[in-house]
Structure formats: structure tokens, C-alpha cells
N, C-alpha and C. Protein backbone atom coordinates (compact mmCIF):
# COMPACT_ATOMS: atom_id res chain seq x y z
N MET A 1 24.56 -142.06 -45.36
CA MET A 1 25.61 -143.05 -45.41
C MET A 1 26.85 -142.53 -44.72
N PRO A 2 27.46 -143.40 -43.96
CA PRO A 2 28.68 -142.94 -43.30
C PRO A 2 29.83 -142.87 -44.29
N GLU A 3 30.65 -141.89 -44.17
CA GLU A 3 31.79 -141.73 -45.06
C GLU A 3 32.93 -142.58 -44.59
N THR A 4 33.60 -143.20 -45.59
CA THR A 4 34.75 -144.03 -45.28
C THR A 4 36.00 -143.20 -45.50
N ALA A 5 36.89 -143.27 -44.54
CA ALA A 5 38.13 -142.50 -44.65
C ALA A 5 39.09 -143.25 -45.58
N ILE A 6 39.62 -142.53 -46.55
CA ILE A 6 40.55 -143.12 -47.52
C ILE A 6 41.87 -142.40 -47.40
N ASP A 7 42.90 -143.19 -47.29
CA ASP A 7 44.24 -142.62 -47.25
C ASP A 7 44.70 -142.43 -48.68
N ASP A 8 44.83 -141.17 -49.14
CA ASP A 8 45.18 -140.88 -50.52
C ASP A 8 46.60 -141.29 -50.88
N SER A 9 47.46 -141.43 -49.90
CA SER A 9 48.85 -141.75 -50.20
C SER A 9 49.03 -143.23 -50.52
N LEU A 10 48.05 -144.04 -50.18
CA LEU A 10 48.16 -145.47 -50.45
C LEU A 10 47.42 -145.81 -51.73
N LYS A 11 47.85 -146.89 -52.36
CA LYS A 11 47.16 -147.37 -53.54
C LYS A 11 45.91 -148.10 -53.12
N VAL A 12 45.02 -148.34 -54.06
CA VAL A 12 43.74 -148.97 -53.76
C VAL A 12 43.97 -150.35 -53.12
N GLY A 13 44.90 -151.10 -53.64
CA GLY A 13 45.17 -152.42 -53.10
C GLY A 13 45.70 -152.38 -51.69
N GLN A 14 46.37 -151.30 -51.32
CA GLN A 14 46.93 -151.18 -49.98
C GLN A 14 45.88 -150.72 -48.98
N ASN A 15 44.78 -150.17 -49.41
CA ASN A 15 43.72 -149.72 -48.51
C ASN A 15 42.90 -150.88 -47.99
N GLN A 16 42.96 -152.01 -48.64
CA GLN A 16 42.15 -153.15 -48.23
C GLN A 16 42.96 -154.05 -47.33
N GLU A 17 42.27 -154.64 -46.42
CA GLU A 17 42.95 -155.55 -45.52
C GLU A 17 43.06 -156.90 -46.16
N PRO A 18 44.18 -157.57 -45.94
CA PRO A 18 44.36 -158.88 -46.56
C PRO A 18 43.40 -159.89 -45.95
N THR A 19 42.84 -160.74 -46.79
CA THR A 19 41.92 -161.77 -46.32
C THR A 19 42.57 -163.15 -46.43
N VAL A 20 43.77 -163.22 -46.96
CA VAL A 20 44.45 -164.50 -47.18
C VAL A 20 45.51 -164.65 -46.12
N ASN A 21 45.69 -165.85 -45.68
CA ASN A 21 46.71 -166.16 -44.70
C ASN A 21 48.08 -166.05 -45.38
N ILE A 22 48.97 -165.27 -44.81
CA ILE A 22 50.28 -165.01 -45.41
C ILE A 22 51.10 -166.29 -45.49
N GLU A 23 51.02 -167.14 -44.53
CA GLU A 23 51.79 -168.39 -44.55
C GLU A 23 51.36 -169.26 -45.73
N SER A 24 50.06 -169.34 -45.98
CA SER A 24 49.60 -170.16 -47.11
C SER A 24 50.02 -169.53 -48.45
N LEU A 25 50.14 -168.20 -48.45
CA LEU A 25 50.62 -167.52 -49.67
C LEU A 25 52.07 -167.90 -49.93
N ASP A 26 52.89 -167.93 -48.92
CA ASP A 26 54.29 -168.29 -49.09
C ASP A 26 54.42 -169.71 -49.62
N ASP A 27 53.57 -170.64 -49.12
CA ASP A 27 53.60 -172.02 -49.61
C ASP A 27 53.22 -172.07 -51.09
N LYS A 28 52.18 -171.32 -51.47
CA LYS A 28 51.72 -171.31 -52.86
C LYS A 28 52.80 -170.71 -53.76
N LYS A 29 53.50 -169.68 -53.22
CA LYS A 29 54.56 -169.03 -54.00
C LYS A 29 55.67 -170.04 -54.28
N ASP A 30 56.05 -170.82 -53.27
CA ASP A 30 57.09 -171.82 -53.46
C ASP A 30 56.66 -172.87 -54.47
N GLN A 31 55.40 -173.31 -54.41
CA GLN A 31 54.89 -174.30 -55.35
C GLN A 31 54.85 -173.72 -56.77
N THR A 32 54.47 -172.45 -56.86
CA THR A 32 54.41 -171.80 -58.16
C THR A 32 55.80 -171.70 -58.76
N GLU A 33 56.79 -171.36 -57.95
CA GLU A 33 58.17 -171.26 -58.45
C GLU A 33 58.65 -172.61 -58.94
N ILE A 34 58.33 -173.68 -58.21
CA ILE A 34 58.75 -175.02 -58.62
C ILE A 34 58.06 -175.39 -59.93
N THR A 35 56.76 -175.14 -60.01
CA THR A 35 56.01 -175.45 -61.22
C THR A 35 56.55 -174.64 -62.39
N THR A 36 56.81 -173.37 -62.15
CA THR A 36 57.31 -172.51 -63.21
C THR A 36 58.68 -172.99 -63.67
N GLU A 37 59.56 -173.36 -62.73
CA GLU A 37 60.89 -173.83 -63.11
C GLU A 37 60.81 -175.09 -63.94
N SER A 38 59.94 -176.04 -63.56
CA SER A 38 59.85 -177.28 -64.33
C SER A 38 59.22 -177.03 -65.70
N SER A 39 58.23 -176.13 -65.77
CA SER A 39 57.64 -175.83 -67.07
C SER A 39 58.62 -175.06 -67.94
N GLN A 40 59.47 -174.24 -67.31
CA GLN A 40 60.49 -173.54 -68.09
C GLN A 40 61.51 -174.53 -68.64
N MET A 41 61.81 -175.57 -67.88
CA MET A 41 62.73 -176.59 -68.37
C MET A 41 62.11 -177.32 -69.55
N LYS A 42 60.81 -177.61 -69.48
CA LYS A 42 60.13 -178.27 -70.59
C LYS A 42 60.09 -177.35 -71.79
N ILE A 43 59.77 -176.10 -71.59
CA ILE A 43 59.75 -175.13 -72.68
C ILE A 43 61.15 -174.98 -73.25
N SER A 44 62.12 -174.96 -72.37
CA SER A 44 63.49 -174.80 -72.80
C SER A 44 63.91 -175.97 -73.70
N LYS A 45 63.52 -177.19 -73.37
CA LYS A 45 63.86 -178.35 -74.19
C LYS A 45 63.15 -178.26 -75.54
N LYS A 46 61.89 -177.85 -75.53
CA LYS A 46 61.15 -177.69 -76.77
C LYS A 46 61.77 -176.59 -77.62
N GLN A 47 62.14 -175.50 -76.95
CA GLN A 47 62.75 -174.39 -77.68
C GLN A 47 64.09 -174.81 -78.27
N LYS A 48 64.86 -175.57 -77.52
CA LYS A 48 66.15 -176.03 -78.03
C LYS A 48 65.95 -176.90 -79.27
N LYS A 49 64.95 -177.79 -79.23
CA LYS A 49 64.69 -178.66 -80.36
C LYS A 49 64.25 -177.85 -81.58
N LYS A 50 63.33 -176.90 -81.37
CA LYS A 50 62.88 -176.04 -82.46
C LYS A 50 64.02 -175.21 -83.01
N PHE A 51 64.85 -174.68 -82.11
CA PHE A 51 65.98 -173.86 -82.54
C PHE A 51 66.96 -174.69 -83.36
N ALA A 52 67.23 -175.92 -82.92
CA ALA A 52 68.16 -176.78 -83.66
C ALA A 52 67.62 -177.08 -85.06
N ILE A 53 66.33 -177.36 -85.16
CA ILE A 53 65.72 -177.63 -86.47
C ILE A 53 65.77 -176.38 -87.33
N PHE A 54 65.41 -175.24 -86.76
CA PHE A 54 65.45 -173.98 -87.50
C PHE A 54 66.87 -173.66 -87.97
N ALA A 55 67.85 -173.84 -87.08
CA ALA A 55 69.24 -173.55 -87.43
C ALA A 55 69.70 -174.46 -88.57
N LEU A 56 69.32 -175.73 -88.50
CA LEU A 56 69.71 -176.68 -89.55
C LEU A 56 69.09 -176.29 -90.89
N VAL A 57 67.81 -175.94 -90.87
CA VAL A 57 67.13 -175.51 -92.10
C VAL A 57 67.77 -174.23 -92.64
N ALA A 58 68.09 -173.29 -91.77
CA ALA A 58 68.71 -172.03 -92.19
C ALA A 58 70.09 -172.28 -92.80
N ILE A 59 70.86 -173.17 -92.22
CA ILE A 59 72.19 -173.47 -92.74
C ILE A 59 72.08 -174.12 -94.12
N VAL A 60 71.19 -175.09 -94.25
CA VAL A 60 71.00 -175.77 -95.54
C VAL A 60 70.53 -174.76 -96.60
N ALA A 61 69.57 -173.91 -96.22
CA ALA A 61 69.08 -172.90 -97.17
C ALA A 61 70.20 -171.93 -97.56
N GLY A 62 71.01 -171.54 -96.61
CA GLY A 62 72.13 -170.64 -96.90
C GLY A 62 73.15 -171.27 -97.83
N VAL A 63 73.47 -172.52 -97.59
CA VAL A 63 74.43 -173.22 -98.45
C VAL A 63 73.87 -173.35 -99.86
N LEU A 64 72.60 -173.74 -99.98
CA LEU A 64 71.99 -173.87 -101.30
C LEU A 64 71.90 -172.53 -102.02
N THR A 65 71.57 -171.48 -101.29
CA THR A 65 71.51 -170.15 -101.89
C THR A 65 72.89 -169.71 -102.38
N GLY A 66 73.89 -169.93 -101.56
CA GLY A 66 75.26 -169.58 -101.94
C GLY A 66 75.72 -170.36 -103.15
N PHE A 67 75.43 -171.65 -103.16
CA PHE A 67 75.80 -172.49 -104.29
C PHE A 67 75.09 -172.04 -105.56
N GLY A 68 73.80 -171.77 -105.43
CA GLY A 68 73.02 -171.32 -106.59
C GLY A 68 73.51 -170.00 -107.14
N SER A 69 73.81 -169.05 -106.25
CA SER A 69 74.28 -167.75 -106.73
C SER A 69 75.67 -167.86 -107.34
N ALA A 70 76.50 -168.75 -106.82
CA ALA A 70 77.83 -168.96 -107.41
C ALA A 70 77.69 -169.55 -108.81
N GLN A 71 76.77 -170.49 -108.97
CA GLN A 71 76.54 -171.08 -110.29
C GLN A 71 76.03 -170.03 -111.26
N LEU A 72 75.09 -169.20 -110.79
CA LEU A 72 74.52 -168.15 -111.63
C LEU A 72 75.59 -167.13 -112.01
N LYS A 73 76.42 -166.75 -111.05
CA LYS A 73 77.48 -165.79 -111.33
C LYS A 73 78.48 -166.38 -112.32
N GLY A 74 78.81 -167.65 -112.15
CA GLY A 74 79.73 -168.32 -113.08
C GLY A 74 79.15 -168.37 -114.49
N ALA A 75 77.87 -168.66 -114.58
CA ALA A 75 77.23 -168.72 -115.89
C ALA A 75 77.18 -167.33 -116.52
N THR A 76 76.91 -166.31 -115.72
CA THR A 76 76.88 -164.94 -116.22
C THR A 76 78.27 -164.51 -116.69
N ASN A 77 79.30 -164.85 -115.91
CA ASN A 77 80.66 -164.49 -116.31
C ASN A 77 81.06 -165.21 -117.59
N LYS A 78 80.66 -166.47 -117.75
CA LYS A 78 80.99 -167.19 -118.98
C LYS A 78 80.33 -166.52 -120.17
N LEU A 79 79.06 -166.13 -120.01
CA LEU A 79 78.36 -165.45 -121.10
C LEU A 79 79.02 -164.13 -121.42
N SER A 80 79.38 -163.37 -120.37
CA SER A 80 79.97 -162.06 -120.59
C SER A 80 81.32 -162.18 -121.29
N SER A 81 82.13 -163.17 -120.90
CA SER A 81 83.46 -163.27 -121.48
C SER A 81 83.44 -163.86 -122.88
N THR A 82 82.48 -164.73 -123.19
CA THR A 82 82.47 -165.35 -124.51
C THR A 82 81.43 -164.76 -125.43
N GLU A 83 80.47 -164.03 -124.89
CA GLU A 83 79.37 -163.55 -125.71
C GLU A 83 79.77 -162.38 -126.59
N GLU A 84 80.57 -161.46 -126.09
CA GLU A 84 80.91 -160.28 -126.87
C GLU A 84 82.42 -160.10 -126.93
N LYS A 85 82.89 -159.68 -128.07
CA LYS A 85 84.30 -159.37 -128.27
C LYS A 85 84.42 -157.86 -128.37
N GLU A 86 85.44 -157.31 -127.77
CA GLU A 86 85.60 -155.86 -127.78
C GLU A 86 85.78 -155.35 -129.21
N ILE A 87 85.07 -154.31 -129.53
CA ILE A 87 85.18 -153.70 -130.85
C ILE A 87 86.37 -152.75 -130.84
N VAL A 88 87.24 -152.88 -131.83
CA VAL A 88 88.41 -152.01 -131.91
C VAL A 88 88.15 -150.93 -132.94
N SER A 89 88.57 -149.72 -132.63
CA SER A 89 88.34 -148.61 -133.55
C SER A 89 89.38 -148.57 -134.68
N ASP A 90 90.52 -149.17 -134.48
CA ASP A 90 91.54 -149.22 -135.52
C ASP A 90 91.23 -150.42 -136.42
N THR A 91 90.69 -150.15 -137.61
CA THR A 91 90.25 -151.24 -138.48
C THR A 91 91.41 -152.08 -139.01
N SER A 92 92.63 -151.61 -138.87
CA SER A 92 93.77 -152.42 -139.31
C SER A 92 93.98 -153.62 -138.39
N LYS A 93 93.40 -153.58 -137.20
CA LYS A 93 93.52 -154.70 -136.25
C LYS A 93 92.41 -155.72 -136.44
N ILE A 94 91.46 -155.43 -137.30
CA ILE A 94 90.38 -156.37 -137.57
C ILE A 94 90.84 -157.31 -138.67
N ASN A 95 90.70 -158.60 -138.43
CA ASN A 95 91.18 -159.60 -139.37
C ASN A 95 90.03 -160.42 -139.93
N ILE A 96 90.28 -161.03 -141.07
CA ILE A 96 89.30 -161.92 -141.68
C ILE A 96 89.01 -163.06 -140.70
N GLY A 97 87.75 -163.33 -140.51
CA GLY A 97 87.34 -164.41 -139.60
C GLY A 97 87.01 -163.95 -138.20
N ASP A 98 87.37 -162.71 -137.86
CA ASP A 98 87.02 -162.19 -136.53
C ASP A 98 85.51 -162.12 -136.39
N VAL A 99 85.03 -162.40 -135.18
CA VAL A 99 83.60 -162.36 -134.90
C VAL A 99 83.38 -161.39 -133.76
N PHE A 100 82.39 -160.51 -133.93
CA PHE A 100 82.07 -159.50 -132.92
C PHE A 100 80.60 -159.64 -132.52
N GLY A 101 80.32 -159.31 -131.29
CA GLY A 101 78.95 -159.42 -130.78
C GLY A 101 78.73 -160.77 -130.15
N VAL A 102 77.54 -161.30 -130.26
CA VAL A 102 77.19 -162.59 -129.67
C VAL A 102 77.89 -163.69 -130.46
N GLN A 103 78.60 -164.55 -129.78
CA GLN A 103 79.40 -165.57 -130.45
C GLN A 103 78.57 -166.72 -131.02
N ASP A 104 77.43 -167.00 -130.43
CA ASP A 104 76.60 -168.12 -130.87
C ASP A 104 75.70 -167.68 -132.02
N LYS A 105 75.99 -168.18 -133.22
CA LYS A 105 75.19 -167.76 -134.37
C LYS A 105 73.80 -168.38 -134.36
N ASP A 106 73.58 -169.42 -133.57
CA ASP A 106 72.26 -170.03 -133.47
C ASP A 106 71.29 -169.18 -132.65
N THR A 107 71.79 -168.15 -131.98
CA THR A 107 70.93 -167.26 -131.19
C THR A 107 69.99 -166.48 -132.10
N PHE A 108 70.44 -166.20 -133.32
CA PHE A 108 69.67 -165.37 -134.24
C PHE A 108 69.14 -166.20 -135.40
N ALA A 109 67.92 -165.90 -135.79
CA ALA A 109 67.26 -166.68 -136.84
C ALA A 109 67.67 -166.23 -138.24
N ASP A 110 68.04 -164.97 -138.41
CA ASP A 110 68.27 -164.41 -139.74
C ASP A 110 69.74 -164.09 -139.96
N SER A 111 70.20 -164.26 -141.20
CA SER A 111 71.58 -163.89 -141.54
C SER A 111 71.62 -163.36 -142.97
N ALA A 112 72.65 -162.57 -143.24
CA ALA A 112 72.86 -162.02 -144.59
C ALA A 112 74.34 -161.71 -144.74
N GLN A 113 74.79 -161.64 -145.96
CA GLN A 113 76.19 -161.33 -146.23
C GLN A 113 76.26 -160.28 -147.33
N GLY A 114 77.18 -159.31 -147.16
CA GLY A 114 77.33 -158.27 -148.17
C GLY A 114 78.33 -157.21 -147.75
N TYR A 115 78.30 -156.12 -148.47
CA TYR A 115 79.21 -155.00 -148.27
C TYR A 115 78.52 -153.96 -147.39
N LEU A 116 79.20 -153.50 -146.35
CA LEU A 116 78.59 -152.57 -145.40
C LEU A 116 78.91 -151.12 -145.76
N GLU A 117 77.86 -150.30 -145.82
CA GLU A 117 77.98 -148.86 -146.04
C GLU A 117 77.31 -148.13 -144.88
N ALA A 118 77.80 -146.92 -144.62
CA ALA A 118 77.17 -146.07 -143.60
C ALA A 118 75.90 -145.46 -144.17
N GLY A 119 74.95 -145.18 -143.31
CA GLY A 119 73.69 -144.58 -143.75
C GLY A 119 72.65 -145.65 -143.99
N GLY A 120 71.47 -145.39 -143.57
CA GLY A 120 70.38 -146.37 -143.72
C GLY A 120 69.76 -146.32 -145.10
N VAL A 121 68.59 -146.91 -145.21
CA VAL A 121 67.82 -146.93 -146.45
C VAL A 121 66.64 -146.00 -146.23
N GLU A 122 66.66 -144.85 -146.92
CA GLU A 122 65.61 -143.84 -146.82
C GLU A 122 65.30 -143.50 -145.35
N GLY A 123 66.37 -143.29 -144.59
CA GLY A 123 66.23 -142.89 -143.18
C GLY A 123 65.99 -144.03 -142.22
N GLU A 124 65.92 -145.24 -142.70
CA GLU A 124 65.68 -146.39 -141.83
C GLU A 124 67.01 -147.11 -141.55
N GLY A 125 67.35 -147.22 -140.29
CA GLY A 125 68.61 -147.86 -139.90
C GLY A 125 69.77 -146.90 -139.93
N SER A 126 70.89 -147.32 -139.35
CA SER A 126 72.10 -146.49 -139.33
C SER A 126 73.07 -146.89 -140.44
N HIS A 127 72.94 -148.09 -140.98
CA HIS A 127 73.82 -148.62 -142.01
C HIS A 127 72.99 -149.44 -142.99
N ARG A 128 73.65 -149.81 -144.09
CA ARG A 128 72.98 -150.69 -145.05
C ARG A 128 73.98 -151.73 -145.54
N LEU A 129 73.45 -152.90 -145.79
CA LEU A 129 74.24 -154.00 -146.30
C LEU A 129 73.87 -154.20 -147.76
N LEU A 130 74.83 -153.92 -148.65
CA LEU A 130 74.60 -154.05 -150.09
C LEU A 130 74.88 -155.49 -150.49
N ARG A 131 73.93 -156.08 -151.22
CA ARG A 131 74.07 -157.47 -151.63
C ARG A 131 73.86 -157.60 -153.14
N GLU A 132 74.35 -158.68 -153.70
CA GLU A 132 74.15 -158.97 -155.12
C GLU A 132 72.65 -159.01 -155.39
N GLY A 133 72.24 -158.50 -156.53
CA GLY A 133 70.84 -158.55 -156.91
C GLY A 133 70.18 -157.19 -156.94
N GLY A 134 70.90 -156.17 -156.57
CA GLY A 134 70.35 -154.82 -156.69
C GLY A 134 69.77 -154.25 -155.41
N VAL A 135 69.13 -153.09 -155.61
CA VAL A 135 68.60 -152.30 -154.50
C VAL A 135 67.57 -153.09 -153.69
N THR A 136 66.81 -153.94 -154.33
CA THR A 136 65.77 -154.69 -153.62
C THR A 136 66.36 -155.68 -152.62
N GLN A 137 67.65 -155.98 -152.76
CA GLN A 137 68.30 -156.93 -151.85
C GLN A 137 69.07 -156.23 -150.72
N THR A 138 69.03 -154.91 -150.70
CA THR A 138 69.74 -154.15 -149.66
C THR A 138 69.02 -154.30 -148.32
N VAL A 139 69.82 -154.46 -147.27
CA VAL A 139 69.28 -154.64 -145.92
C VAL A 139 69.61 -153.39 -145.10
N ALA A 140 68.59 -152.77 -144.52
CA ALA A 140 68.81 -151.65 -143.59
C ALA A 140 69.19 -152.26 -142.24
N LEU A 141 70.20 -151.68 -141.60
CA LEU A 141 70.73 -152.28 -140.38
C LEU A 141 70.75 -151.30 -139.20
N THR A 142 70.62 -151.85 -138.05
CA THR A 142 70.86 -151.16 -136.79
C THR A 142 71.47 -152.21 -135.85
N SER A 143 72.18 -151.78 -134.81
CA SER A 143 72.75 -152.75 -133.87
C SER A 143 72.92 -152.11 -132.49
N SER A 144 72.49 -152.83 -131.50
CA SER A 144 72.72 -152.40 -130.12
C SER A 144 73.89 -153.16 -129.52
N VAL A 145 74.45 -154.09 -130.27
CA VAL A 145 75.54 -154.95 -129.77
C VAL A 145 76.90 -154.50 -130.31
N ALA A 146 76.97 -154.18 -131.58
CA ALA A 146 78.25 -153.84 -132.21
C ALA A 146 78.18 -152.45 -132.83
N ASP A 147 79.32 -151.77 -132.86
CA ASP A 147 79.40 -150.47 -133.53
C ASP A 147 79.68 -150.74 -135.00
N LEU A 148 78.67 -150.63 -135.81
CA LEU A 148 78.79 -150.97 -137.23
C LEU A 148 79.74 -150.04 -137.97
N ASP A 149 80.00 -148.85 -137.46
CA ASP A 149 80.94 -147.92 -138.10
C ASP A 149 82.33 -148.55 -138.26
N ASP A 150 82.68 -149.47 -137.37
CA ASP A 150 84.00 -150.12 -137.43
C ASP A 150 84.15 -151.04 -138.63
N PHE A 151 83.04 -151.41 -139.27
CA PHE A 151 83.08 -152.38 -140.35
C PHE A 151 82.72 -151.80 -141.71
N VAL A 152 82.55 -150.50 -141.79
CA VAL A 152 82.19 -149.84 -143.05
C VAL A 152 83.29 -150.10 -144.08
N GLY A 153 82.88 -150.47 -145.29
CA GLY A 153 83.84 -150.74 -146.37
C GLY A 153 84.32 -152.18 -146.38
N MET A 154 83.80 -153.03 -145.50
CA MET A 154 84.20 -154.43 -145.44
C MET A 154 83.05 -155.32 -145.90
N GLU A 155 83.44 -156.52 -146.34
CA GLU A 155 82.42 -157.52 -146.60
C GLU A 155 82.24 -158.30 -145.30
N ILE A 156 80.99 -158.38 -144.87
CA ILE A 156 80.70 -159.02 -143.59
C ILE A 156 79.51 -159.97 -143.72
N LYS A 157 79.44 -160.89 -142.78
CA LYS A 157 78.25 -161.73 -142.64
C LYS A 157 77.65 -161.34 -141.29
N ILE A 158 76.35 -161.12 -141.31
CA ILE A 158 75.68 -160.67 -140.09
C ILE A 158 74.58 -161.66 -139.70
N TRP A 159 74.33 -161.73 -138.41
CA TRP A 159 73.21 -162.49 -137.86
C TRP A 159 72.43 -161.53 -136.98
N GLY A 160 71.12 -161.65 -137.03
CA GLY A 160 70.30 -160.76 -136.22
C GLY A 160 68.83 -161.12 -136.28
N ASP A 161 68.02 -160.18 -135.84
CA ASP A 161 66.56 -160.35 -135.83
C ASP A 161 65.94 -159.36 -136.81
N THR A 162 65.05 -159.85 -137.65
CA THR A 162 64.35 -159.00 -138.60
C THR A 162 63.28 -158.20 -137.87
N ASN A 163 63.24 -156.91 -138.17
CA ASN A 163 62.23 -156.01 -137.61
C ASN A 163 61.30 -155.56 -138.73
N LYS A 164 60.18 -155.00 -138.36
CA LYS A 164 59.24 -154.50 -139.35
C LYS A 164 59.85 -153.29 -140.06
N ALA A 165 59.91 -153.37 -141.36
CA ALA A 165 60.50 -152.29 -142.15
C ALA A 165 59.42 -151.29 -142.57
N GLN A 166 59.78 -150.01 -142.58
CA GLN A 166 58.86 -148.96 -143.03
C GLN A 166 59.10 -148.62 -144.51
N SER A 167 60.37 -148.50 -144.89
CA SER A 167 60.66 -148.10 -146.27
C SER A 167 61.64 -149.04 -146.98
N SER A 168 62.42 -149.80 -146.24
CA SER A 168 63.37 -150.72 -146.89
C SER A 168 62.71 -152.09 -147.06
N GLY A 169 63.32 -152.90 -147.91
CA GLY A 169 62.80 -154.24 -148.13
C GLY A 169 63.05 -155.16 -146.94
N TRP A 170 64.16 -154.91 -146.23
CA TRP A 170 64.52 -155.77 -145.10
C TRP A 170 65.21 -154.89 -144.07
N PHE A 171 64.80 -154.99 -142.83
CA PHE A 171 65.37 -154.19 -141.73
C PHE A 171 65.78 -155.15 -140.62
N MET A 172 67.07 -155.13 -140.27
CA MET A 172 67.59 -156.10 -139.31
C MET A 172 68.33 -155.43 -138.16
N ASP A 173 68.12 -155.95 -136.94
CA ASP A 173 68.90 -155.57 -135.76
C ASP A 173 70.02 -156.60 -135.65
N VAL A 174 71.27 -156.15 -135.83
CA VAL A 174 72.43 -157.04 -135.90
C VAL A 174 72.92 -157.40 -134.50
N GLY A 175 73.14 -158.70 -134.26
CA GLY A 175 73.67 -159.17 -132.98
C GLY A 175 75.03 -159.82 -133.10
N ARG A 176 75.42 -160.18 -134.34
CA ARG A 176 76.71 -160.86 -134.55
C ARG A 176 77.25 -160.45 -135.91
N VAL A 177 78.55 -160.16 -135.94
CA VAL A 177 79.21 -159.75 -137.18
C VAL A 177 80.45 -160.61 -137.37
N GLU A 178 80.58 -161.21 -138.56
CA GLU A 178 81.79 -161.95 -138.90
C GLU A 178 82.44 -161.27 -140.10
N ILE A 179 83.74 -161.08 -140.03
CA ILE A 179 84.48 -160.40 -141.10
C ILE A 179 84.81 -161.41 -142.19
N ILE A 180 84.34 -161.12 -143.41
CA ILE A 180 84.63 -161.97 -144.57
C ILE A 180 85.84 -161.41 -145.32
N ALA A 181 85.87 -160.10 -145.56
CA ALA A 181 87.00 -159.44 -146.22
C ALA A 181 87.13 -158.03 -145.65
N THR A 182 88.36 -157.65 -145.26
CA THR A 182 88.57 -156.32 -144.68
C THR A 182 88.63 -155.24 -145.76
N GLU A 183 89.04 -155.61 -146.96
CA GLU A 183 89.05 -154.66 -148.06
C GLU A 183 88.16 -155.23 -149.15
N ALA A 184 87.00 -154.61 -149.34
CA ALA A 184 86.04 -155.16 -150.29
C ALA A 184 85.48 -154.05 -151.17
N GLU A 185 84.85 -154.43 -152.23
CA GLU A 185 84.20 -153.47 -153.12
C GLU A 185 82.70 -153.70 -153.07
N ALA A 186 81.98 -152.62 -153.15
CA ALA A 186 80.50 -152.69 -153.15
C ALA A 186 80.03 -153.37 -154.42
N PRO A 187 79.03 -154.23 -154.32
CA PRO A 187 78.48 -154.84 -155.55
C PRO A 187 77.78 -153.77 -156.38
N ILE A 188 77.71 -154.02 -157.66
CA ILE A 188 77.05 -153.07 -158.54
C ILE A 188 75.56 -153.09 -158.24
N GLN A 189 75.02 -151.94 -157.95
CA GLN A 189 73.60 -151.82 -157.60
C GLN A 189 72.84 -151.31 -158.81
N SER A 190 71.98 -152.14 -159.36
CA SER A 190 71.15 -151.71 -160.48
C SER A 190 69.83 -151.21 -159.91
N LEU A 191 69.19 -150.33 -160.59
CA LEU A 191 67.91 -149.78 -160.13
C LEU A 191 66.80 -150.71 -160.59
N ASP A 192 66.50 -151.70 -159.82
CA ASP A 192 65.43 -152.66 -160.16
C ASP A 192 64.08 -152.13 -159.78
């Protein structure tokens, strides 16, 4: 077979001789440019329409999201400002009728009233609520909402959720405290 001389400095496409008439290529190039320009105009109009629809949807979604978050923030701020009252450590500033913790008493299913002492019932709870009727009526208390130490020695009404008791007759997580009397005496506890 005869060897074909290849010029290594040229690319493969440059080694071949053109078989197409250059003038007809120029005509096709002009037609292609015209076709491309008109199709770009059609694409451009379609893209503009899609962009306008997308922009409108994005604006409406943004407005609704902003409105929704503002409503949610407003509702959260209302709950925060009205739901809990700051607990004061100076008990002389606590007055009869003051309410601490969650302001809505309908939030909690259970309530009790009595004299508050520090210390739980046989290690259950941090405080106990002494009530008329003796030891069997004592409520062991804990609270994640109010510092019960601020109300020791007072007669209070509490609202909260009953938890399973291990050693006391009743064990409650307190969510709301109302002051009945700032200076009170513990009821007489009989050993029933």
C-alpha cells in the first residue's frame, strides 16, 4: 500500500480537501443566521412570558409568606407578653390576686388551692400544697413555668397537669399560680 503523507501540524479536518462549494456555504450561513435570529426572537417572547408569570408567582408567594410570618410573629409576641408574668423575688411586691405563669386557666385541666410549703412529698416534687382534709389531700408539686420558692408560706390556687405519682396521692406540674393570701397559715394536717 502506498503511504499517504500527513502534515502533523494540521488538524485532521484541515488535511482534507473541501468538497463543498464555498459560495453555497456562505448562502447557507446567511440563511442559518436569519433562521436563528427569528427563532431566538420566538424563544425570547416565550421566555419573556414565562419569566413574567414566574416573577408574578414569586412576588405573590413572597407577599403571602411575609404576611404569614408577620401574623405568626404577632401571635407569638402576644402569647409571650400575656402568657407569663415575671416572677419577683421580693415577696412583698406580690399582691393578692396576682397571677403568674400561663394567664389562661382553661389551658390546664386540673386545679387545687392550699398553703404552699417547700419540699416535696417523700422526695417527689420540689414543693407541696397542703389542703384541708389531711395528708391524703396534699399535692406534690413541680413547675417549669414558675419559681414556686417565691410563693412559699402563701395560700395559692394552682392550675396544671396531673402526672403519675410514685409516692404522693397527687403529683402536679404547675403552669399557673394565683395568689389568694400573701400571709397564710398551714392547715392542720392530721395523720389519716
